[in-house]
Amino acid sequence: MSGNGAVWGRVRSRLRAFPERLSACGAEAAAYGRCVQASTAQGGHLRKDLCAREFKALRCCFLAAAEKTWRGGR
C-alpha cells in the first residue's frame, strides 16, 4: 500500500465524479431501454444485435464519461 494520501485522494475524487458524469447519458440509456422494452413487449423476443445501434450510443457515452473522469476533466 502506498503511504501517499494525495494519490488516493485523486482516485477517490474521480470515483465520486463518475456517477455525475454517467448521468449525462440519460437520453442514450432511455433510448436503449425503450428499444429493449419494445422488443420484449407482448411476447416478443429480444435477439442479439436487435438494439445494437442504441447500445453502441450508450456505450460510447459511458466511455466518454469514463475518459473524462480519468483525465479529471469537467
Foldseek 3Di string as FASTA:
>chain_A
DDPDVVVVVLVVVLVVCLVVQLVVLVVLVVLLVVQVCVQPPPNHDDDPPSSVVSVVSSVVSSVVSNVCSVVVHD
